[in-house]
Amino acid sequence: GFLRAMTGGAQSELERRVLGEAAIGTGGAIVPTPLAAGIIDLLRAKAVTIQAGARTVPMTAQTLRIARQTADPVGGWRAENAAIPESDPTFDQVTLTAKAWAVRFNVSRELLEDGQNTDTAIRNILASAAAIGLDQAVLVGTGAANQPLGIRGQAGIQSVSMGTNGAQLTNWTQPLNAVQALEAANAGMCTAMIMAPRTARAIYGFADTTGQPLQPPPRLASVPVLASTSVPINEVQGTSGAVASSIFTGDFAEVLIGLRTDLQITVLQERYAELGQIGFVAWMRADVALARPAAIARILGIIP
């Protein structure tokens, strides 16, 4: 009942204690960490990139440098007493720089006081909005306008094209080609395929010449298909116009989400008082990096 207590006063000893823990500022209060943690858990459950296996990395400062492997060591066969061949893995550095995401919305005092499910609804709204924002950054962030640079713009990822002007996805050929590219790069197992709901619908509708459902080949049978509106359907492929989309697949454990500030929520009590409303602001600071770009593949040019 924290949100209700912020407007109508505490109704229990627990609510009084929670209000006492809130960081009251100028017309607002930060939702206490134990309560915010529930929303963070919802965010993680809703973010498809985290479901796919992307790892979160705590950032203790605005920037964080991490080592990134760019080549594997290569051993060799040797005769008895012969020198052991030397071959070092190749590394470079990638820097995570925290960037800010935020959203604000208002709720009437009457709804907060009278609505039976308002707290749950607001938690879900905040978690869903943050999950979509995070997924968009991880998958297709532009690296401009204070956005992280997502997978689509990263150098070194595997690329499988549907053709010069794009094509419809009608069978498992191109997903298998993506797996082949990943295996040729000695990448890890495919942990998921992330795509737009439109593309997922096409996959669910694969059929053979008799109209029977076309089951995935054994290599892809255990790879989850995750649909997300964070994958755009307005990409341009040749003369196709802005109607193309992509599939992202590979070992998402190689995708790093740097979190400088976990999702935070501020309650604004006074700013919208003349309207009888309470404002809510959610924000987080994060960035994206690939520990091994070759472990991720993008199938591009999928048209309806």
C-alpha atoms as a PDB file:
ATOM      1  CA  GLY A   1       0.000   0.000   0.000  1.00  0.00           C
ATOM      2  CA  PHE A   2       2.982   2.355  -0.391  1.00  0.00           C
ATOM      3  CA  LEU A   3       1.523   4.361  -3.269  1.00  0.00           C
ATOM      4  CA  ARG A   4      -1.827   4.741  -1.520  1.00  0.00           C
ATOM      5  CA  ALA A   5      -0.114   5.698   1.731  1.00  0.00           C
ATOM      6  CA  MET A   6       1.788   8.454  -0.073  1.00  0.00           C
ATOM      7  CA  THR A   7      -1.507  10.197  -0.826  1.00  0.00           C
ATOM      8  CA  GLY A   8      -3.891   9.194   1.942  1.00  0.00           C
ATOM      9  CA  GLY A   9      -1.554   8.478   4.844  1.00  0.00           C
ATOM     10  CA  ALA A  10      -0.356   5.229   6.369  1.00  0.00           C
ATOM     11  CA  GLN A  11      -3.046   2.747   7.343  1.00  0.00           C
ATOM     12  CA  SER A  12      -0.800   0.296   9.201  1.00  0.00           C
ATOM     13  CA  GLU A  13       2.439   0.147  11.139  1.00  0.00           C
ATOM     14  CA  LEU A  14       4.177  -1.454   8.161  1.00  0.00           C
ATOM     15  CA  GLU A  15       3.122   1.402   5.885  1.00  0.00           C
ATOM     16  CA  ARG A  16       4.321   3.939   8.463  1.00  0.00           C
ATOM     17  CA  ARG A  17       7.710   2.249   8.615  1.00  0.00           C
ATOM     18  CA  VAL A  18       8.007   2.141   4.836  1.00  0.00           C
ATOM     19  CA  LEU A  19       7.089   5.801   4.533  1.00  0.00           C
ATOM     20  CA  GLY A  20       9.739   6.556   7.129  1.00  0.00           C
ATOM     21  CA  GLU A  21      12.340   4.790   4.995  1.00  0.00           C
ATOM     22  CA  ALA A  22      11.433   6.735   1.847  1.00  0.00           C
ATOM     23  CA  ALA A  23      13.898   9.431   0.840  1.00  0.00           C
ATOM     24  CA  ILE A  24      11.651  12.491   0.946  1.00  0.00           C
ATOM     25  CA  GLY A  25      12.905  15.322  -1.263  1.00  0.00           C
ATOM     26  CA  THR A  26      11.401  18.471  -2.701  1.00  0.00           C
ATOM     27  CA  GLY A  27       7.873  17.317  -3.407  1.00  0.00           C
ATOM     28  CA  GLY A  28       8.825  13.684  -3.980  1.00  0.00           C
ATOM     29  CA  ALA A  29      10.032  10.442  -2.491  1.00  0.00           C
ATOM     30  CA  ILE A  30      12.186   7.584  -3.738  1.00  0.00           C
ATOM     31  CA  VAL A  31      10.452   4.223  -3.473  1.00  0.00           C
ATOM     32  CA  PRO A  32      12.448   2.247  -0.860  1.00  0.00           C
ATOM     33  CA  THR A  33      14.840  -0.402  -2.154  1.00  0.00           C
ATOM     34  CA  PRO A  34      12.886  -3.470  -0.873  1.00  0.00           C
ATOM     35  CA  LEU A  35       9.796  -2.304  -2.766  1.00  0.00           C
ATOM     36  CA  ALA A  36      11.690  -1.219  -5.872  1.00  0.00           C
ATOM     37  CA  ALA A  37      13.356  -4.641  -5.987  1.00  0.00           C
ATOM     38  CA  GLY A  38      10.005  -6.217  -6.817  1.00  0.00           C
ATOM     39  CA  ILE A  39       9.664  -3.961  -9.840  1.00  0.00           C
ATOM     40  CA  ILE A  40      13.248  -4.753 -10.870  1.00  0.00           C
ATOM     41  CA  ASP A  41      12.390  -8.462 -10.723  1.00  0.00           C
ATOM     42  CA  LEU A  42       9.392  -7.788 -12.963  1.00  0.00           C
ATOM     43  CA  LEU A  43      11.637  -5.893 -15.389  1.00  0.00           C
ATOM     44  CA  ARG A  44      14.038  -8.822 -15.619  1.00  0.00           C
ATOM     45  CA  ALA A  45      11.165 -11.244 -16.183  1.00  0.00           C
ATOM     46  CA  LYS A  46       9.709  -9.098 -18.974  1.00  0.00           C
ATOM     47  CA  ALA A  47      12.970  -8.218 -20.774  1.00  0.00           C
ATOM     48  CA  VAL A  48      13.388 -10.769 -23.579  1.00  0.00           C
ATOM     49  CA  THR A  49      17.121 -10.101 -23.878  1.00  0.00           C
ATOM     50  CA  ILE A  50      17.581 -11.156 -20.259  1.00  0.00           C
ATOM     51  CA  GLN A  51      15.334 -14.171 -20.846  1.00  0.00           C
ATOM     52  CA  ALA A  52      17.613 -15.033 -23.781  1.00  0.00           C
ATOM     53  CA  GLY A  53      20.633 -15.107 -21.462  1.00  0.00           C
ATOM     54  CA  ALA A  54      22.115 -11.590 -21.552  1.00  0.00           C
ATOM     55  CA  ARG A  55      24.178 -10.911 -18.416  1.00  0.00           C
ATOM     56  CA  THR A  56      23.907  -7.838 -16.229  1.00  0.00           C
ATOM     57  CA  VAL A  57      27.146  -6.266 -15.031  1.00  0.00           C
ATOM     58  CA  PRO A  58      27.088  -3.841 -12.060  1.00  0.00           C
ATOM     59  CA  MET A  59      28.827  -0.550 -12.814  1.00  0.00           C
ATOM     60  CA  THR A  60      30.377   1.208  -9.811  1.00  0.00           C
ATOM     61  CA  ALA A  61      31.165   4.338 -11.842  1.00  0.00           C
ATOM     62  CA  GLN A  62      29.895   6.062 -14.955  1.00  0.00           C
ATOM     63  CA  THR A  63      32.280   4.037 -17.114  1.00  0.00           C
ATOM     64  CA  LEU A  64      33.512   0.467 -16.931  1.00  0.00           C
ATOM     65  CA  ARG A  65      36.181  -1.112 -19.130  1.00  0.00           C
ATOM     66  CA  ILE A  66      36.015  -4.812 -19.859  1.00  0.00           C
ATOM     67  CA  ALA A  67      38.230  -7.114 -21.898  1.00  0.00           C
ATOM     68  CA  ARG A  68      36.782  -8.480 -25.101  1.00  0.00           C
ATOM     69  CA  GLN A  69      38.156 -11.548 -26.882  1.00  0.00           C
ATOM     70  CA  THR A  70      38.701 -11.047 -30.607  1.00  0.00           C
ATOM     71  CA  ALA A  71      40.590 -14.249 -31.528  1.00  0.00           C
ATOM     72  CA  ASP A  72      41.192 -17.726 -30.063  1.00  0.00           C
ATOM     73  CA  PRO A  73      44.634 -19.229 -29.372  1.00  0.00           C
ATOM     74  CA  VAL A  74      45.678 -21.935 -31.835  1.00  0.00           C
ATOM     75  CA  GLY A  75      47.612 -24.947 -30.590  1.00  0.00           C
ATOM     76  CA  GLY A  76      49.648 -27.438 -32.595  1.00  0.00           C
ATOM     77  CA  TRP A  77      50.847 -31.023 -32.534  1.00  0.00           C
ATOM     78  CA  ARG A  78      54.419 -31.491 -31.366  1.00  0.00           C
ATOM     79  CA  ALA A  79      57.098 -34.179 -31.240  1.00  0.00           C
ATOM     80  CA  GLU A  80      58.593 -35.445 -28.010  1.00  0.00           C
ATOM     81  CA  ASN A  81      60.979 -32.880 -26.471  1.00  0.00           C
ATOM     82  CA  ALA A  82      60.038 -30.321 -29.112  1.00  0.00           C
ATOM     83  CA  ALA A  83      59.102 -26.778 -28.196  1.00  0.00           C
ATOM     84  CA  ILE A  84      55.470 -26.151 -27.313  1.00  0.00           C
ATOM     85  CA  PRO A  85      53.910 -23.842 -29.902  1.00  0.00           C
ATOM     86  CA  GLU A  86      52.925 -20.452 -28.557  1.00  0.00           C
ATOM     87  CA  SER A  87      49.672 -18.772 -29.504  1.00  0.00           C
ATOM     88  CA  ASP A  88      47.963 -16.123 -27.426  1.00  0.00           C
ATOM     89  CA  PRO A  89      44.292 -15.212 -27.460  1.00  0.00           C
ATOM     90  CA  THR A  90      43.734 -11.707 -28.781  1.00  0.00           C
ATOM     91  CA  PHE A  91      41.881  -9.171 -26.677  1.00  0.00           C
ATOM     92  CA  ASP A  92      40.843  -5.587 -26.944  1.00  0.00           C
ATOM     93  CA  GLN A  93      38.865  -3.351 -24.594  1.00  0.00           C
ATOM     94  CA  VAL A  94      35.310  -2.138 -24.698  1.00  0.00           C
ATOM     95  CA  THR A  95      34.025   0.651 -22.488  1.00  0.00           C
ATOM     96  CA  LEU A  96      30.564   0.692 -20.966  1.00  0.00           C
ATOM     97  CA  THR A  97      29.333   4.254 -20.424  1.00  0.00           C
ATOM     98  CA  ALA A  98      26.120   4.647 -18.427  1.00  0.00           C
ATOM     99  CA  LYS A  99      23.295   6.339 -20.343  1.00  0.00           C
ATOM    100  CA  ALA A 100      19.998   7.444 -18.820  1.00  0.00           C
ATOM    101  CA  TRP A 101      16.495   6.191 -19.677  1.00  0.00           C
ATOM    102  CA  ALA A 102      13.390   7.619 -18.011  1.00  0.00           C
ATOM    103  CA  VAL A 103       9.597   7.839 -18.232  1.00  0.00           C
ATOM    104  CA  ARG A 104       6.994   9.909 -16.360  1.00  0.00           C
ATOM    105  CA  PHE A 105       3.218   9.592 -16.019  1.00  0.00           C
ATOM    106  CA  ASN A 106       0.464  10.867 -13.718  1.00  0.00           C
ATOM    107  CA  VAL A 107      -2.319   9.118 -11.789  1.00  0.00           C
ATOM    108  CA  SER A 108      -5.297  10.789 -10.106  1.00  0.00           C
ATOM    109  CA  ARG A 109      -5.430  10.797  -6.326  1.00  0.00           C
ATOM    110  CA  GLU A 110      -8.904   9.278  -6.488  1.00  0.00           C
ATOM    111  CA  LEU A 111      -7.651   6.305  -8.481  1.00  0.00           C
ATOM    112  CA  LEU A 112      -4.752   5.773  -6.081  1.00  0.00           C
ATOM    113  CA  GLU A 113      -7.090   5.877  -3.091  1.00  0.00           C
ATOM    114  CA  ASP A 114      -9.965   3.828  -4.522  1.00  0.00           C
ATOM    115  CA  GLY A 115      -8.452   1.492  -7.094  1.00  0.00           C
ATOM    116  CA  GLN A 116      -8.145  -2.035  -5.756  1.00  0.00           C
ATOM    117  CA  ASN A 117      -5.320  -3.055  -8.092  1.00  0.00           C
ATOM    118  CA  THR A 118      -3.591   0.294  -8.640  1.00  0.00           C
ATOM    119  CA  ASP A 119      -0.312  -0.690  -6.989  1.00  0.00           C
ATOM    120  CA  THR A 120      -0.053  -3.848  -9.086  1.00  0.00           C
ATOM    121  CA  ALA A 121      -0.992  -2.008 -12.273  1.00  0.00           C
ATOM    122  CA  ILE A 122       1.607   0.715 -11.726  1.00  0.00           C
ATOM    123  CA  ARG A 123       4.317  -1.823 -10.954  1.00  0.00           C
ATOM    124  CA  ASN A 124       3.524  -3.666 -14.180  1.00  0.00           C
ATOM    125  CA  ILE A 125       3.403  -0.435 -16.194  1.00  0.00           C
ATOM    126  CA  LEU A 126       6.806   0.681 -14.931  1.00  0.00           C
ATOM    127  CA  ALA A 127       8.396  -2.748 -15.353  1.00  0.00           C
ATOM    128  CA  SER A 128       6.997  -3.202 -18.871  1.00  0.00           C
ATOM    129  CA  ALA A 129       8.088   0.252 -20.032  1.00  0.00           C
ATOM    130  CA  ALA A 130      11.593  -0.248 -18.624  1.00  0.00           C
ATOM    131  CA  ALA A 131      11.868  -3.751 -20.128  1.00  0.00           C
ATOM    132  CA  ILE A 132      10.901  -2.488 -23.591  1.00  0.00           C
ATOM    133  CA  GLY A 133      13.351   0.401 -23.291  1.00  0.00           C
ATOM    134  CA  LEU A 134      16.147  -1.939 -22.226  1.00  0.00           C
ATOM    135  CA  ASP A 135      15.400  -4.484 -24.967  1.00  0.00           C
ATOM    136  CA  GLN A 136      15.356  -1.759 -27.625  1.00  0.00           C
ATOM    137  CA  ALA A 137      18.737  -0.505 -26.424  1.00  0.00           C
ATOM    138  CA  VAL A 138      20.280  -3.991 -26.372  1.00  0.00           C
ATOM    139  CA  LEU A 139      18.956  -5.007 -29.791  1.00  0.00           C
ATOM    140  CA  VAL A 140      18.790  -1.874 -31.933  1.00  0.00           C
ATOM    141  CA  GLY A 141      20.175   1.051 -29.920  1.00  0.00           C
ATOM    142  CA  THR A 142      21.699   3.571 -32.313  1.00  0.00           C
ATOM    143  CA  GLY A 143      24.578   4.783 -30.149  1.00  0.00           C
ATOM    144  CA  ALA A 144      23.369   8.353 -30.838  1.00  0.00           C
ATOM    145  CA  ALA A 145      21.076  10.723 -28.909  1.00  0.00           C
ATOM    146  CA  ASN A 146      22.273   9.232 -25.597  1.00  0.00           C
ATOM    147  CA  GLN A 147      21.270   5.695 -26.627  1.00  0.00           C
ATOM    148  CA  PRO A 148      23.521   2.680 -26.087  1.00  0.00           C
ATOM    149  CA  LEU A 149      24.873   1.017 -29.222  1.00  0.00           C
ATOM    150  CA  GLY A 150      22.888  -2.176 -29.607  1.00  0.00           C
ATOM    151  CA  ILE A 151      23.634  -5.481 -31.291  1.00  0.00           C
ATOM    152  CA  ARG A 152      22.449  -4.308 -34.723  1.00  0.00           C
ATOM    153  CA  GLY A 153      25.126  -1.629 -34.883  1.00  0.00           C
ATOM    154  CA  GLN A 154      28.010  -3.621 -33.397  1.00  0.00           C
ATOM    155  CA  ALA A 155      30.939  -4.554 -35.606  1.00  0.00           C
ATOM    156  CA  GLY A 156      31.916  -8.221 -35.871  1.00  0.00           C
ATOM    157  CA  ILE A 157      28.519  -9.901 -35.487  1.00  0.00           C
ATOM    158  CA  GLN A 158      27.475 -12.614 -37.947  1.00  0.00           C
ATOM    159  CA  SER A 159      25.160 -11.477 -40.736  1.00  0.00           C
ATOM    160  CA  VAL A 160      22.756 -13.602 -42.790  1.00  0.00           C
ATOM    161  CA  SER A 161      20.746 -11.811 -45.481  1.00  0.00           C
ATOM    162  CA  MET A 162      17.371 -12.746 -46.901  1.00  0.00           C
ATOM    163  CA  GLY A 163      18.519 -11.263 -50.228  1.00  0.00           C
ATOM    164  CA  THR A 164      19.264  -7.948 -51.869  1.00  0.00           C
ATOM    165  CA  ASN A 165      15.677  -6.753 -51.576  1.00  0.00           C
ATOM    166  CA  GLY A 166      14.621  -8.998 -48.715  1.00  0.00           C
ATOM    167  CA  ALA A 167      12.324 -12.012 -48.774  1.00  0.00           C
ATOM    168  CA  GLN A 168       9.655 -13.769 -46.797  1.00  0.00           C
ATOM    169  CA  LEU A 169      10.675 -16.299 -44.175  1.00  0.00           C
ATOM    170  CA  THR A 170       8.989 -19.546 -45.211  1.00  0.00           C
ATOM    171  CA  ASN A 171      11.220 -22.295 -43.806  1.00  0.00           C
ATOM    172  CA  TRP A 172      14.154 -22.992 -41.490  1.00  0.00           C
ATOM    173  CA  THR A 173      16.907 -22.423 -44.080  1.00  0.00           C
ATOM    174  CA  GLN A 174      18.046 -18.995 -42.946  1.00  0.00           C
ATOM    175  CA  PRO A 175      17.971 -19.761 -39.201  1.00  0.00           C
ATOM    176  CA  LEU A 176      20.117 -22.816 -40.001  1.00  0.00           C
ATOM    177  CA  ASN A 177      22.462 -20.593 -42.033  1.00  0.00           C
ATOM    178  CA  ALA A 178      22.794 -18.343 -38.987  1.00  0.00           C
ATOM    179  CA  VAL A 179      23.686 -21.361 -36.846  1.00  0.00           C
ATOM    180  CA  GLN A 180      26.270 -22.397 -39.436  1.00  0.00           C
ATOM    181  CA  ALA A 181      27.865 -18.936 -39.307  1.00  0.00           C
ATOM    182  CA  LEU A 182      27.999 -19.094 -35.522  1.00  0.00           C
ATOM    183  CA  GLU A 183      29.511 -22.573 -35.527  1.00  0.00           C
ATOM    184  CA  ALA A 184      32.112 -21.481 -38.088  1.00  0.00           C
ATOM    185  CA  ALA A 185      33.157 -18.799 -35.614  1.00  0.00           C
ATOM    186  CA  ASN A 186      33.368 -21.361 -32.772  1.00  0.00           C
ATOM    187  CA  ALA A 187      30.586 -19.520 -30.971  1.00  0.00           C
ATOM    188  CA  GLY A 188      28.698 -21.040 -28.082  1.00  0.00           C
ATOM    189  CA  MET A 189      25.271 -22.599 -28.186  1.00  0.00           C
ATOM    190  CA  CYS A 190      22.297 -20.602 -29.464  1.00  0.00           C
ATOM    191  CA  THR A 191      20.377 -19.591 -26.355  1.00  0.00           C
ATOM    192  CA  ALA A 192      17.419 -17.955 -28.130  1.00  0.00           C
ATOM    193  CA  MET A 193      16.035 -16.353 -31.274  1.00  0.00           C
ATOM    194  CA  ILE A 194      14.567 -12.884 -30.700  1.00  0.00           C
ATOM    195  CA  MET A 195      12.248 -11.471 -33.340  1.00  0.00           C
ATOM    196  CA  ALA A 196       9.236  -9.256 -33.960  1.00  0.00           C
ATOM    197  CA  PRO A 197       5.796 -10.794 -33.305  1.00  0.00           C
ATOM    198  CA  ARG A 198       5.142 -10.657 -37.067  1.00  0.00           C
ATOM    199  CA  THR A 199       8.183 -12.840 -37.728  1.00  0.00           C
ATOM    200  CA  ALA A 200       7.264 -15.220 -34.912  1.00  0.00           C
ATOM    201  CA  ARG A 201       3.841 -15.646 -36.519  1.00  0.00           C
ATOM    202  CA  ALA A 202       5.511 -16.602 -39.805  1.00  0.00           C
ATOM    203  CA  ILE A 203       7.635 -19.216 -38.027  1.00  0.00           C
ATOM    204  CA  TYR A 204       4.640 -20.656 -36.196  1.00  0.00           C
ATOM    205  CA  GLY A 205       2.940 -20.996 -39.587  1.00  0.00           C
ATOM    206  CA  PHE A 206       5.711 -22.905 -41.378  1.00  0.00           C
ATOM    207  CA  ALA A 207       4.063 -25.778 -43.264  1.00  0.00           C
ATOM    208  CA  ASP A 208       5.160 -28.548 -45.601  1.00  0.00           C
ATOM    209  CA  THR A 209       3.721 -29.243 -49.059  1.00  0.00           C
ATOM    210  CA  THR A 210       0.750 -31.054 -47.512  1.00  0.00           C
ATOM    211  CA  GLY A 211      -0.104 -28.169 -45.207  1.00  0.00           C
ATOM    212  CA  GLN A 212       1.178 -29.900 -42.103  1.00  0.00           C
ATOM    213  CA  PRO A 213       3.173 -27.871 -39.543  1.00  0.00           C
ATOM    214  CA  LEU A 214       6.877 -27.800 -40.401  1.00  0.00           C
ATOM    215  CA  GLN A 215       8.717 -28.833 -37.260  1.00  0.00           C
ATOM    216  CA  PRO A 216      12.097 -27.219 -36.517  1.00  0.00           C
ATOM    217  CA  PRO A 217      15.158 -29.337 -37.353  1.00  0.00           C
ATOM    218  CA  PRO A 218      16.877 -30.980 -34.369  1.00  0.00           C
ATOM    219  CA  ARG A 219      19.567 -28.277 -34.242  1.00  0.00           C
ATOM    220  CA  LEU A 220      16.910 -25.621 -33.583  1.00  0.00           C
ATOM    221  CA  ALA A 221      14.267 -27.629 -31.747  1.00  0.00           C
ATOM    222  CA  SER A 222      15.469 -26.556 -28.296  1.00  0.00           C
ATOM    223  CA  VAL A 223      16.150 -22.896 -29.155  1.00  0.00           C
ATOM    224  CA  PRO A 224      13.413 -20.661 -27.662  1.00  0.00           C
ATOM    225  CA  VAL A 225      11.569 -18.295 -29.984  1.00  0.00           C
ATOM    226  CA  LEU A 226      11.085 -14.981 -28.160  1.00  0.00           C
ATOM    227  CA  ALA A 227       8.807 -12.346 -29.682  1.00  0.00           C
ATOM    228  CA  SER A 228       9.305  -8.692 -28.809  1.00  0.00           C
ATOM    229  CA  THR A 229       7.932  -5.410 -30.116  1.00  0.00           C
ATOM    230  CA  SER A 230      11.423  -4.030 -29.457  1.00  0.00           C
ATOM    231  CA  VAL A 231      12.480  -5.608 -32.769  1.00  0.00           C
ATOM    232  CA  PRO A 232      11.490  -3.085 -35.476  1.00  0.00           C
ATOM    233  CA  ILE A 233       9.516  -3.954 -38.609  1.00  0.00           C
ATOM    234  CA  ASN A 234      10.437  -0.794 -40.543  1.00  0.00           C
ATOM    235  CA  GLU A 235      13.989  -1.596 -41.644  1.00  0.00           C
ATOM    236  CA  VAL A 236      14.939  -0.999 -45.280  1.00  0.00           C
ATOM    237  CA  GLN A 237      16.409  -3.818 -47.374  1.00  0.00           C
ATOM    238  CA  GLY A 238      17.150  -2.784 -50.949  1.00  0.00           C
ATOM    239  CA  THR A 239      13.948  -1.807 -52.722  1.00  0.00           C
ATOM    240  CA  SER A 240      11.676  -3.444 -50.141  1.00  0.00           C
ATOM    241  CA  GLY A 241      10.841  -0.126 -48.489  1.00  0.00           C
ATOM    242  CA  ALA A 242      10.617   0.320 -44.742  1.00  0.00           C
ATOM    243  CA  VAL A 243       8.943  -3.036 -44.098  1.00  0.00           C
ATOM    244  CA  ALA A 244      11.828  -5.381 -43.271  1.00  0.00           C
ATOM    245  CA  SER A 245      12.722  -6.902 -39.921  1.00  0.00           C
ATOM    246  CA  SER A 246      15.458  -9.016 -38.314  1.00  0.00           C
ATOM    247  CA  ILE A 247      16.056 -12.036 -36.100  1.00  0.00           C
ATOM    248  CA  PHE A 248      18.790 -11.905 -33.471  1.00  0.00           C
ATOM    249  CA  THR A 249      20.220 -15.233 -32.370  1.00  0.00           C
ATOM    250  CA  GLY A 250      23.345 -16.720 -30.850  1.00  0.00           C
ATOM    251  CA  ASP A 251      24.889 -17.029 -27.420  1.00  0.00           C
ATOM    252  CA  PHE A 252      23.316 -14.170 -25.482  1.00  0.00           C
ATOM    253  CA  ALA A 253      25.599 -14.882 -22.527  1.00  0.00           C
ATOM    254  CA  GLU A 254      28.105 -12.836 -24.542  1.00  0.00           C
ATOM    255  CA  VAL A 255      25.779  -9.812 -24.341  1.00  0.00           C
ATOM    256  CA  LEU A 256      26.612  -7.601 -21.370  1.00  0.00           C
ATOM    257  CA  ILE A 257      24.161  -5.091 -19.906  1.00  0.00           C
ATOM    258  CA  GLY A 258      26.040  -2.659 -17.707  1.00  0.00           C
ATOM    259  CA  LEU A 259      23.796  -1.287 -14.945  1.00  0.00           C
ATOM    260  CA  ARG A 260      24.999   1.858 -13.218  1.00  0.00           C
ATOM    261  CA  THR A 261      21.589   2.600 -11.680  1.00  0.00           C
ATOM    262  CA  ASP A 262      18.949  -0.088 -11.312  1.00  0.00           C
ATOM    263  CA  LEU A 263      15.375   0.956 -12.026  1.00  0.00           C
ATOM    264  CA  GLN A 264      14.458   3.751  -9.605  1.00  0.00           C
ATOM    265  CA  ILE A 265      11.003   5.218  -8.967  1.00  0.00           C
ATOM    266  CA  THR A 266      10.235   8.690  -7.669  1.00  0.00           C
ATOM    267  CA  VAL A 267       6.776   9.739  -6.460  1.00  0.00           C
ATOM    268  CA  LEU A 268       5.993  13.422  -7.159  1.00  0.00           C
ATOM    269  CA  GLN A 269       3.419  14.620  -4.626  1.00  0.00           C
ATOM    270  CA  GLU A 270       3.308  18.383  -5.111  1.00  0.00           C
ATOM    271  CA  ARG A 271       4.115  19.132  -8.755  1.00  0.00           C
ATOM    272  CA  TYR A 272       0.636  18.166 -10.014  1.00  0.00           C
ATOM    273  CA  ALA A 273      -1.286  18.937  -6.818  1.00  0.00           C
ATOM    274  CA  GLU A 274      -3.517  21.542  -8.490  1.00  0.00           C
ATOM    275  CA  LEU A 275      -4.766  18.813 -10.838  1.00  0.00           C
ATOM    276  CA  GLY A 276      -5.371  16.329  -8.038  1.00  0.00           C
ATOM    277  CA  GLN A 277      -2.710  14.033  -9.466  1.00  0.00           C
ATOM    278  CA  ILE A 278       0.415  12.226  -8.326  1.00  0.00           C
ATOM    279  CA  GLY A 279       3.348  11.933 -10.712  1.00  0.00           C
ATOM    280  CA  PHE A 280       5.570   8.898 -11.081  1.00  0.00           C
ATOM    281  CA  VAL A 281       9.051   8.997 -12.617  1.00  0.00           C
ATOM    282  CA  ALA A 282      11.056   5.851 -13.366  1.00  0.00           C
ATOM    283  CA  TRP A 283      14.641   5.946 -14.560  1.00  0.00           C
ATOM    284  CA  MET A 284      17.719   3.784 -14.953  1.00  0.00           C
ATOM    285  CA  ARG A 285      21.263   4.161 -16.283  1.00  0.00           C
ATOM    286  CA  ALA A 286      22.744   1.418 -18.416  1.00  0.00           C
ATOM    287  CA  ASP A 287      24.878   0.535 -21.429  1.00  0.00           C
ATOM    288  CA  VAL A 288      25.399  -2.451 -23.735  1.00  0.00           C
ATOM    289  CA  ALA A 289      28.519  -4.300 -24.888  1.00  0.00           C
ATOM    290  CA  LEU A 290      29.316  -7.590 -26.601  1.00  0.00           C
ATOM    291  CA  ALA A 291      32.004  -9.673 -24.939  1.00  0.00           C
ATOM    292  CA  ARG A 292      32.336 -11.647 -28.176  1.00  0.00           C
ATOM    293  CA  PRO A 293      30.534 -10.116 -31.169  1.00  0.00           C
ATOM    294  CA  ALA A 294      31.066 -13.219 -33.350  1.00  0.00           C
ATOM    295  CA  ALA A 295      28.802 -15.179 -30.972  1.00  0.00           C
ATOM    296  CA  ILE A 296      25.718 -13.226 -32.125  1.00  0.00           C
ATOM    297  CA  ALA A 297      24.075 -13.428 -35.549  1.00  0.00           C
ATOM    298  CA  ARG A 298      21.480 -11.251 -37.238  1.00  0.00           C
ATOM    299  CA  ILE A 299      19.159 -12.467 -39.989  1.00  0.00           C
ATOM    300  CA  LEU A 300      18.151  -9.315 -41.874  1.00  0.00           C
ATOM    301  CA  GLY A 301      15.768  -8.429 -44.656  1.00  0.00           C
ATOM    302  CA  ILE A 302      12.706 -10.381 -43.478  1.00  0.00           C
ATOM    303  CA  ILE A 303       9.668  -8.902 -45.226  1.00  0.00           C
ATOM    304  CA  PRO A 304       5.983  -9.774 -44.724  1.00  0.00           C
END
